[in-house]
Amino acid sequence: MAEKIKLACIIDDDPIFVFGTKKMMQYTGFCDTFLIFKNGKEALDHLSVILIEKKPIPDIIFLDINMPVMDGWQFLEEITKIDISETLKIFLVTSSETQEDRDKAKKFSAIKNYVVKPITLESLQELLPTI
């Protein structure tokens, strides 16, 4: 089993996905502490302060592409402009299966993997040891 994650961040406007992912992370014993944001703007506002003040960042970020206010792509553009010493570990978790989105994801070094929803217990267990 992978080392336990201290803090996970979920940026997604789907409450069912957020609830299910949290429960699976808790059930598997990978993580018990979460930051939850409903859109990229909420996440950017909170995480940019953490990054600028050099406070501990989340061990993993699950990021949806399609959200209101600020989508996942806009979030990525803005968060990667911040000069930080630690590496962000972002897993794009989306319902989009288009090659265009997959290719776009490859342009961001912070994206560790592209996962098509729904996330399952098996896919979560495959992802987490790579962190």
Protein backbone atom coordinates (compact mmCIF):
# COMPACT_ATOMS: atom_id res chain seq x y z
CA MET A 1 0.00 0.00 0.00
CA ALA A 2 1.17 3.52 -0.76
CA GLU A 3 2.13 5.93 1.96
CA LYS A 4 -0.88 7.68 3.46
CA ILE A 5 -1.74 11.01 1.91
CA LYS A 6 -1.92 13.83 4.46
CA LEU A 7 -4.09 16.21 2.44
CA ALA A 8 -6.09 15.72 -0.76
CA CYS A 9 -7.78 18.48 -2.73
CA ILE A 10 -10.87 17.86 -4.84
CA ILE A 11 -11.92 20.59 -7.28
CA ASP A 12 -15.23 19.53 -8.80
CA ASP A 13 -18.76 20.92 -8.95
CA ASP A 14 -20.38 17.46 -8.83
CA PRO A 15 -21.34 16.72 -5.20
CA ILE A 16 -21.82 13.01 -5.95
CA PHE A 17 -18.28 12.70 -7.34
CA VAL A 18 -16.85 14.64 -4.39
CA PHE A 19 -18.74 12.50 -1.86
CA GLY A 20 -17.79 9.22 -3.56
CA THR A 21 -14.13 10.12 -3.95
CA LYS A 22 -13.83 11.23 -0.33
CA LYS A 23 -15.47 8.02 0.88
CA MET A 24 -13.20 5.83 -1.27
CA MET A 25 -10.08 7.68 -0.07
CA GLN A 26 -11.19 7.26 3.55
CA TYR A 27 -12.23 3.62 3.03
CA THR A 28 -8.89 2.65 1.51
CA GLY A 29 -7.03 4.45 4.29
CA PHE A 30 -5.15 6.66 1.83
CA CYS A 31 -6.46 9.98 3.17
CA ASP A 32 -8.74 11.46 5.81
CA THR A 33 -8.23 15.22 5.31
CA PHE A 34 -9.60 17.10 2.32
CA LEU A 35 -9.90 20.53 0.79
CA ILE A 36 -13.05 20.70 -1.35
CA PHE A 37 -13.78 23.41 -3.92
CA LYS A 38 -16.75 23.72 -6.30
CA ASN A 39 -14.87 25.55 -9.02
CA GLY A 40 -11.41 26.63 -10.10
CA LYS A 41 -11.81 30.18 -8.76
CA GLU A 42 -12.52 29.02 -5.19
CA ALA A 43 -9.56 26.65 -5.40
CA LEU A 44 -7.22 29.23 -6.92
CA ASP A 45 -8.10 31.84 -4.31
CA HIS A 46 -7.37 29.41 -1.47
CA LEU A 47 -4.41 27.50 -2.92
CA SER A 48 -2.58 30.57 -4.23
CA VAL A 49 -2.34 31.92 -0.67
CA ILE A 50 -0.96 28.58 0.54
CA LEU A 51 1.58 28.49 -2.30
CA ILE A 52 2.69 32.10 -1.95
CA GLU A 53 3.09 31.76 1.84
CA LYS A 54 4.98 28.48 1.29
CA LYS A 55 2.62 26.51 3.53
CA PRO A 56 2.20 22.76 2.95
CA ILE A 57 0.41 22.03 -0.30
CA PRO A 58 -2.03 19.17 -0.90
CA ASP A 59 -0.31 15.86 -1.67
CA ILE A 60 -2.74 15.32 -4.54
CA ILE A 61 -5.27 17.41 -6.43
CA PHE A 62 -8.22 15.87 -8.28
CA LEU A 63 -9.30 18.43 -10.87
CA ASP A 64 -12.40 18.42 -13.07
CA ILE A 65 -12.29 20.19 -16.45
CA ASN A 66 -15.89 21.37 -16.81
CA MET A 67 -17.00 23.62 -13.94
CA PRO A 68 -18.79 26.95 -13.62
CA VAL A 69 -17.04 30.26 -12.81
CA MET A 70 -13.51 28.99 -13.64
CA ASP A 71 -13.00 25.65 -15.37
CA GLY A 72 -10.11 23.25 -14.88
CA TRP A 73 -8.11 24.58 -17.82
CA GLN A 74 -8.35 28.17 -16.54
CA PHE A 75 -7.34 26.97 -13.06
CA LEU A 76 -4.28 25.21 -14.50
CA GLU A 77 -3.23 28.28 -16.48
CA GLU A 78 -3.37 30.46 -13.36
CA ILE A 79 -1.95 28.08 -10.74
CA THR A 80 1.07 27.26 -12.88
CA LYS A 81 1.97 30.97 -13.07
CA ILE A 82 2.74 30.96 -9.34
CA ASP A 83 6.42 30.42 -8.58
CA ILE A 84 6.54 27.48 -6.16
CA SER A 85 9.29 25.20 -5.01
CA GLU A 86 7.18 22.05 -4.62
CA THR A 87 5.67 20.06 -7.45
CA LEU A 88 1.91 20.01 -7.76
CA LYS A 89 0.47 16.53 -8.36
CA ILE A 90 -2.72 17.00 -10.30
CA PHE A 91 -4.94 14.21 -11.56
CA LEU A 92 -7.39 15.41 -14.19
CA VAL A 93 -10.62 13.56 -13.42
CA THR A 94 -13.24 14.28 -16.05
CA SER A 95 -16.08 12.87 -18.09
CA SER A 96 -14.37 14.10 -21.27
CA GLU A 97 -12.88 11.34 -23.38
CA THR A 98 -11.84 13.55 -26.29
CA GLN A 99 -8.35 13.30 -27.74
CA GLU A 100 -8.24 17.10 -27.81
CA ASP A 101 -8.56 17.26 -24.00
CA ARG A 102 -6.03 14.45 -23.54
CA ASP A 103 -3.54 16.28 -25.76
CA LYS A 104 -4.15 19.57 -23.96
CA ALA A 105 -3.52 17.85 -20.60
CA LYS A 106 -0.06 16.77 -21.79
CA LYS A 107 0.96 20.44 -22.01
CA PHE A 108 0.83 20.77 -18.20
CA SER A 109 3.69 19.09 -16.35
CA ALA A 110 1.70 19.21 -13.09
CA ILE A 111 -0.85 16.74 -14.52
CA LYS A 112 0.21 13.25 -13.46
CA ASN A 113 -2.64 11.35 -15.07
CA TYR A 114 -5.89 11.76 -17.01
CA VAL A 115 -8.75 9.76 -15.51
CA VAL A 116 -12.19 9.36 -17.09
CA LYS A 117 -15.11 9.43 -14.66
CA PRO A 118 -16.50 7.66 -12.85
CA ILE A 119 -13.49 6.96 -10.68
CA THR A 120 -13.64 3.48 -9.22
CA LEU A 121 -12.00 1.92 -6.20
CA GLU A 122 -9.74 -0.03 -8.56
CA SER A 123 -8.67 3.05 -10.54
CA LEU A 124 -8.05 4.95 -7.32
CA GLN A 125 -5.87 2.15 -5.98
CA GLU A 126 -3.91 2.15 -9.27
CA LEU A 127 -3.38 5.92 -9.15
CA LEU A 128 -2.35 6.44 -5.58
CA PRO A 129 0.85 4.37 -5.51
CA THR A 130 2.22 6.59 -8.30
CA ILE A 131 2.09 9.68 -6.09
